[in-house]
Protein backbone atom coordinates (compact mmCIF):
# COMPACT_ATOMS: atom_id res chain seq x y z
CA MET A 1 34.54 19.32 52.12
CA SER A 2 33.72 16.82 54.91
CA ILE A 3 35.99 13.94 53.44
CA ILE A 4 38.96 14.55 51.07
CA VAL A 5 40.75 11.20 50.01
CA GLU A 6 43.77 11.66 47.87
CA ASN A 7 46.03 8.88 46.15
CA ILE A 8 45.39 6.77 48.68
CA THR A 9 47.43 3.22 48.40
CA LYS A 10 47.43 0.30 50.84
CA GLU A 11 49.89 -2.67 50.61
CA PHE A 12 49.66 -5.87 52.82
CA GLY A 13 52.82 -7.47 51.89
CA GLN A 14 52.91 -8.12 48.26
CA GLN A 15 49.13 -7.40 47.83
CA LYS A 16 47.81 -4.12 47.07
CA ALA A 17 44.49 -3.66 48.40
CA LEU A 18 43.83 0.02 47.52
CA ASP A 19 45.69 1.50 44.17
CA ASN A 20 45.69 5.21 44.16
CA VAL A 21 42.44 6.12 45.11
CA SER A 22 41.05 9.51 45.18
CA PHE A 23 37.60 10.84 45.71
CA ARG A 24 35.82 14.06 47.75
CA ILE A 25 32.36 13.96 49.78
CA ASP A 26 30.32 17.05 50.44
CA PRO A 27 28.67 17.46 53.58
CA GLY A 28 24.97 16.06 53.55
CA GLU A 29 25.80 13.40 50.91
CA VAL A 30 24.85 9.84 51.59
CA VAL A 31 27.43 7.94 49.47
CA GLY A 32 27.16 4.01 48.89
CA LEU A 33 30.65 2.43 48.66
CA LEU A 34 30.35 -0.85 46.46
CA GLY A 35 32.50 -3.55 45.23
CA PRO A 36 33.24 -7.55 45.20
CA ASN A 37 34.68 -9.25 48.11
CA GLY A 38 38.10 -8.17 48.57
CA ALA A 39 37.83 -5.08 46.51
CA GLY A 40 39.02 -2.97 49.33
CA LYS A 41 35.98 -1.14 50.85
CA SER A 42 36.56 -2.10 54.17
CA THR A 43 40.16 -1.42 54.15
CA MET A 44 39.20 2.12 52.72
CA MET A 45 36.71 2.75 55.64
CA LYS A 46 39.44 1.56 58.09
CA ILE A 47 41.84 4.22 56.88
CA ILE A 48 39.10 7.35 56.85
CA THR A 49 38.25 6.14 60.30
CA CYS A 50 42.05 5.90 61.50
CA PHE A 51 42.02 2.36 62.68
CA ILE A 52 44.77 1.26 60.09
CA PRO A 53 47.40 3.64 58.28
CA PRO A 54 47.57 3.85 54.57
CA THR A 55 50.86 3.01 52.84
CA SER A 56 50.73 6.29 51.01
CA GLY A 57 48.37 9.15 50.09
CA MET A 58 46.25 11.36 52.16
CA VAL A 59 42.97 11.85 53.77
CA LYS A 60 41.32 14.79 55.63
CA VAL A 61 37.88 14.98 57.52
CA TYR A 62 36.95 18.48 57.89
CA ASP A 63 40.34 19.57 57.21
CA ALA A 64 41.52 17.37 60.16
CA ASP A 65 44.69 14.94 58.75
CA ILE A 66 44.33 11.55 59.87
CA PHE A 67 48.10 11.42 60.27
CA GLU A 68 48.65 14.73 62.20
CA GLN A 69 45.23 14.95 64.08
CA SER A 70 44.02 11.54 64.34
CA LEU A 71 42.22 12.26 67.71
CA GLU A 72 40.17 14.98 65.92
CA VAL A 73 38.95 12.90 63.04
CA ARG A 74 37.78 10.32 65.37
CA LYS A 75 36.03 13.01 67.09
CA ARG A 76 34.36 13.81 64.05
CA VAL A 77 33.61 10.36 62.78
CA GLY A 78 30.97 7.64 64.15
CA TYR A 79 32.01 4.09 62.92
CA LEU A 80 30.09 0.88 62.72
CA PRO A 81 32.17 -2.02 61.45
CA GLU A 82 30.87 -4.70 59.50
CA ASN A 83 31.46 -7.28 62.72
CA ASN A 84 29.68 -4.66 65.17
CA PRO A 85 31.79 -5.77 67.97
CA LEU A 86 29.53 -5.17 71.39
CA TYR A 87 30.01 -6.02 75.21
CA THR A 88 27.38 -8.66 75.26
CA ASP A 89 27.25 -8.88 78.96
CA LEU A 90 26.18 -5.21 79.43
CA TYR A 91 22.66 -3.95 79.18
CA ILE A 92 22.00 -1.41 76.32
CA LYS A 93 21.81 1.69 78.58
CA GLU A 94 24.82 0.60 80.54
CA TYR A 95 26.93 -0.01 77.26
CA LEU A 96 25.92 3.47 75.68
CA GLU A 97 26.74 5.49 78.72
CA PHE A 98 30.18 3.58 78.78
CA VAL A 99 30.88 4.61 75.19
CA ALA A 100 29.57 8.34 75.73
CA GLY A 101 32.13 8.51 78.64
CA ILE A 102 34.97 7.28 76.57
CA TYR A 103 33.87 10.28 74.09
CA LYS A 104 33.58 12.59 77.24
CA VAL A 105 30.12 13.43 76.09
CA ASP A 106 28.44 16.24 77.94
CA ASN A 107 25.14 15.42 79.89
CA ILE A 108 25.63 11.54 79.33
CA LYS A 109 22.07 10.35 80.32
CA PRO A 110 19.99 12.80 78.07
CA ARG A 111 22.00 11.84 75.53
CA VAL A 112 21.90 8.13 75.89
CA GLU A 113 17.99 8.73 76.32
CA GLU A 114 17.74 10.39 72.74
CA MET A 115 20.03 7.82 71.32
CA ILE A 116 17.92 5.07 72.52
CA ASP A 117 14.89 6.79 71.24
CA LEU A 118 16.21 7.56 67.76
CA THR A 119 17.22 3.90 67.07
CA GLY A 120 14.10 2.44 68.53
CA LEU A 121 15.57 0.57 71.26
CA THR A 122 13.07 1.40 74.14
CA PRO A 123 11.39 -2.19 73.75
CA GLU A 124 14.62 -4.12 74.69
CA LEU A 125 16.00 -1.83 77.69
CA GLY A 126 15.53 -4.81 79.97
CA LYS A 127 17.88 -7.24 78.01
CA LYS A 128 21.51 -7.72 77.96
CA ILE A 129 22.88 -7.07 74.37
CA GLY A 130 24.16 -10.78 74.01
CA ALA A 131 19.97 -11.61 74.15
CA LEU A 132 18.96 -9.25 71.50
CA SER A 133 18.27 -10.13 67.86
CA LYS A 134 20.50 -9.35 65.02
CA GLY A 135 18.35 -6.33 64.12
CA PHE A 136 18.65 -5.02 67.56
CA ARG A 137 22.17 -5.31 67.89
CA GLN A 138 22.63 -3.30 64.64
CA ARG A 139 20.35 -0.52 66.41
CA VAL A 140 22.98 -0.57 69.51
CA GLY A 141 25.98 -0.33 66.89
CA LEU A 142 24.23 2.76 65.14
CA ALA A 143 23.58 4.39 68.53
CA GLN A 144 27.24 3.89 69.74
CA ALA A 145 28.24 5.31 66.33
CA MET A 146 26.24 8.42 66.89
CA ILE A 147 26.39 8.96 70.59
CA HIS A 148 29.16 11.74 70.30
CA ASN A 149 27.26 13.64 67.72
CA PRO A 150 29.90 12.98 64.92
CA ASP A 151 29.58 14.83 61.48
CA VAL A 152 30.28 11.71 59.68
CA LEU A 153 29.24 8.47 59.76
CA ILE A 154 31.04 5.15 58.27
CA LEU A 155 29.06 2.09 58.14
CA ASP A 156 30.11 -1.01 57.21
CA GLU A 157 27.46 -3.60 55.91
CA PRO A 158 24.78 -1.97 58.47
CA THR A 159 22.17 -4.49 57.11
CA SER A 160 23.97 -7.66 56.83
CA GLY A 161 22.13 -10.75 58.07
CA LEU A 162 18.68 -8.42 59.03
CA ASP A 163 15.15 -10.07 58.12
CA PRO A 164 13.21 -7.52 55.60
CA ASN A 165 11.45 -5.83 58.55
CA GLN A 166 14.59 -5.13 60.25
CA LEU A 167 16.41 -4.06 57.03
CA ILE A 168 13.55 -1.75 56.18
CA ASP A 169 13.80 -0.23 59.70
CA ILE A 170 17.31 0.39 59.62
CA ARG A 171 17.35 1.73 56.07
CA ASN A 172 14.66 4.26 57.05
CA LEU A 173 17.01 5.21 59.93
CA ILE A 174 19.93 5.55 57.92
CA ARG A 175 17.93 7.83 55.22
CA GLU A 176 16.92 10.17 58.48
CA ILE A 177 20.39 10.31 59.60
CA GLY A 178 21.68 11.34 56.23
CA LYS A 179 19.40 14.79 56.31
CA GLU A 180 21.71 16.08 58.66
CA LYS A 181 25.03 14.26 58.37
CA THR A 182 27.54 13.00 55.98
CA VAL A 183 27.02 8.91 55.55
CA MET A 184 28.99 6.52 53.72
CA LEU A 185 27.95 2.88 53.81
CA SER A 186 29.02 -0.19 51.98
CA THR A 187 26.59 -2.99 51.05
CA HIS A 188 25.90 -5.65 48.78
CA ILE A 189 22.22 -4.97 48.60
CA MET A 190 21.74 -2.84 45.41
CA GLN A 191 18.25 -1.89 46.41
CA GLU A 192 19.57 -0.68 49.36
CA VAL A 193 21.72 1.79 47.38
CA GLU A 194 18.89 3.04 45.25
CA ALA A 195 16.64 3.47 48.34
CA VAL A 196 19.14 5.39 50.32
CA CYS A 197 22.16 6.63 48.52
CA ASP A 198 22.67 10.07 46.54
CA ARG A 199 25.91 9.03 45.08
CA VAL A 200 27.83 5.70 44.34
CA ILE A 201 31.40 4.76 44.24
CA ILE A 202 32.21 1.33 42.73
CA ILE A 203 35.49 -0.13 43.68
CA ASP A 204 37.10 -2.98 42.15
CA LYS A 205 40.53 -4.98 42.76
CA GLY A 206 41.68 -1.81 44.66
CA LYS A 207 40.53 0.97 42.14
CA ILE A 208 37.70 3.37 41.57
CA VAL A 209 35.76 2.19 38.51
CA ALA A 210 32.59 4.37 38.88
CA ASP A 211 31.91 7.57 40.93
CA ASP A 212 28.61 9.35 40.09
CA SER A 213 25.23 9.80 41.13
CA THR A 214 22.67 6.93 41.81
CA GLU A 215 20.15 8.17 39.22
CA LYS A 216 22.87 8.50 36.41
CA LEU A 217 24.74 5.36 37.20
CA SER A 218 21.01 3.61 37.16
CA LYS A 219 19.91 5.04 33.99
CA GLY A 220 22.86 6.37 32.14
CA SER A 221 25.63 5.76 30.02
CA LEU A 222 27.44 2.73 31.43
CA ALA A 223 24.42 0.85 30.54
CA ASN A 224 22.73 -0.22 27.33
CA GLN A 225 19.38 1.30 26.70
CA ARG A 226 16.53 -0.43 27.60
CA PHE A 227 12.95 0.03 26.34
CA VAL A 228 9.82 -1.77 27.24
CA ALA A 229 7.27 -1.96 24.34
CA GLU A 230 3.72 -3.20 24.85
CA PHE A 231 1.59 -3.64 21.52
CA ASN A 232 -2.29 -4.07 21.20
CA LYS A 233 -1.59 -7.58 19.35
CA PRO A 234 0.95 -10.24 19.16
CA VAL A 235 4.21 -9.04 17.48
CA GLU A 236 7.06 -11.41 16.15
CA LYS A 237 10.26 -11.06 17.67
CA ASP A 238 12.10 -11.34 14.57
CA GLN A 239 10.34 -8.46 13.10
CA LEU A 240 11.39 -6.28 15.94
CA LEU A 241 15.18 -6.97 15.50
CA LYS A 242 14.75 -5.48 12.04
CA ILE A 243 14.05 -2.19 13.49
CA GLN A 244 16.82 -0.14 12.99
CA GLY A 245 19.19 0.46 16.10
CA VAL A 246 17.67 -2.32 17.99
CA ASP A 247 20.53 -4.70 18.98
CA ARG A 248 18.57 -7.51 21.33
CA VAL A 249 15.03 -8.49 22.00
CA ASN A 250 13.66 -10.03 24.92
CA LYS A 251 10.15 -11.58 24.64
CA VAL A 252 8.18 -10.92 28.12
CA ASN A 253 4.88 -12.18 26.33
CA GLU A 254 2.92 -12.27 23.17
CA THR A 255 2.34 -8.50 23.15
CA THR A 256 5.22 -7.10 25.30
CA PHE A 257 8.99 -7.00 24.66
CA GLU A 258 12.08 -5.61 26.06
CA LEU A 259 13.97 -3.68 22.96
CA PHE A 260 17.87 -3.16 23.84
CA SER A 261 20.12 -0.51 21.82
CA GLU A 262 23.65 0.26 22.38
CA SER A 263 23.40 3.88 21.92
CA THR A 264 20.39 4.62 19.79
CA ASP A 265 17.07 6.09 21.12
CA ILE A 266 14.74 3.80 19.33
CA ARG A 267 11.26 4.83 20.25
CA GLU A 268 10.75 7.00 16.90
CA ASP A 269 11.75 3.87 14.91
CA VAL A 270 9.47 1.74 17.01
CA PHE A 271 6.19 3.84 16.13
CA LYS A 272 7.30 3.65 12.61
CA PHE A 273 7.64 -0.23 12.84
CA ALA A 274 3.89 -0.13 14.27
CA VAL A 275 2.52 2.06 11.81
CA LYS A 276 3.95 0.15 9.05
CA HIS A 277 2.52 -3.32 10.36
CA GLU A 278 -0.64 -2.10 11.56
CA VAL A 279 -0.31 -2.38 15.20
CA ALA A 280 -0.82 0.16 18.10
CA VAL A 281 1.85 0.82 20.64
CA LEU A 282 -0.06 0.79 24.18
CA SER A 283 2.83 1.83 25.69
CA MET A 284 6.70 2.60 25.53
CA GLN A 285 8.65 2.94 28.52
CA LYS A 286 12.73 3.82 28.56
CA ALA A 287 14.75 2.30 31.55
CA GLY A 288 18.48 1.70 32.49
CA LYS A 289 19.86 -1.42 33.55
CA GLY A 290 19.87 -0.66 37.32
CA ILE A 291 22.61 -0.37 39.64
CA GLU A 292 23.01 -4.08 39.85
CA GLU A 293 23.68 -4.85 36.24
CA VAL A 294 25.91 -1.88 35.98
CA PHE A 295 27.81 -3.19 39.02
CA GLN A 296 28.22 -6.53 37.41
CA GLN A 297 29.11 -4.93 34.03
CA LEU A 298 32.17 -3.16 35.74
CA THR A 299 33.30 -5.75 38.35
CA LYS A 300 32.74 -9.18 36.28
CA LYS A 301 35.85 -11.36 36.02
CA GLY A 302 38.07 -10.64 32.93
């Protein structure tokens, strides 16, 4: 097990940022940590990376305890904080060599060259970090997080503020990294979770409210079932509402409708309806609500 989190609670005065949180992450998993602002995501990441201690509970990274073996944990973990603090007066190579020296990396220069190539920083090597775009600063942050070849990468909002092209580049890079390392990332971009993550942990008010595979959360039991039906000629919405198991109907156009059901697979009844009303079903597609709607359902106020 690469990360074990057991009964973690973190209090800041009277405020409880994390409340008895537990989960485990296997080697090679890419896990998305989701939650509204203030839910406790960054606090959880800072505890795993030994930046702050928990009030109670236990965390182990590859069997190294964050209390008793914090230096070993830091060796095994690469961390990109949300604000990505960098020395802006240094050149890229200069900065990465500095960070590699702190980690006592063997063969610093070849390792720095490898990270520059992996993160696509070569075109910007002549610039100081302060002159880089947000996208290239994020690449520098990823390079420094990986410079010591950690087993676990913790990425807090790694694509925040990027333009669409930069976002795709960083997303592809994270996907490649995830083939070899355990990755935990927090993000507010739901498409990113569906594109990159194998598993999703949703946290709200300091507690885990969902923990499952991305596929199951996006299609599964937490969401009402949604069916998209296209007929060969116009159909009345009121007629569709009379189909057994249909709870709600959304009209897309004269011949296409979204049909919602709390728990029933309504496809057979829709075909029976079509036969009865002498219309043909051109297509019938079942789809989940998607991560975004599940997220809203689980974290909405009240």
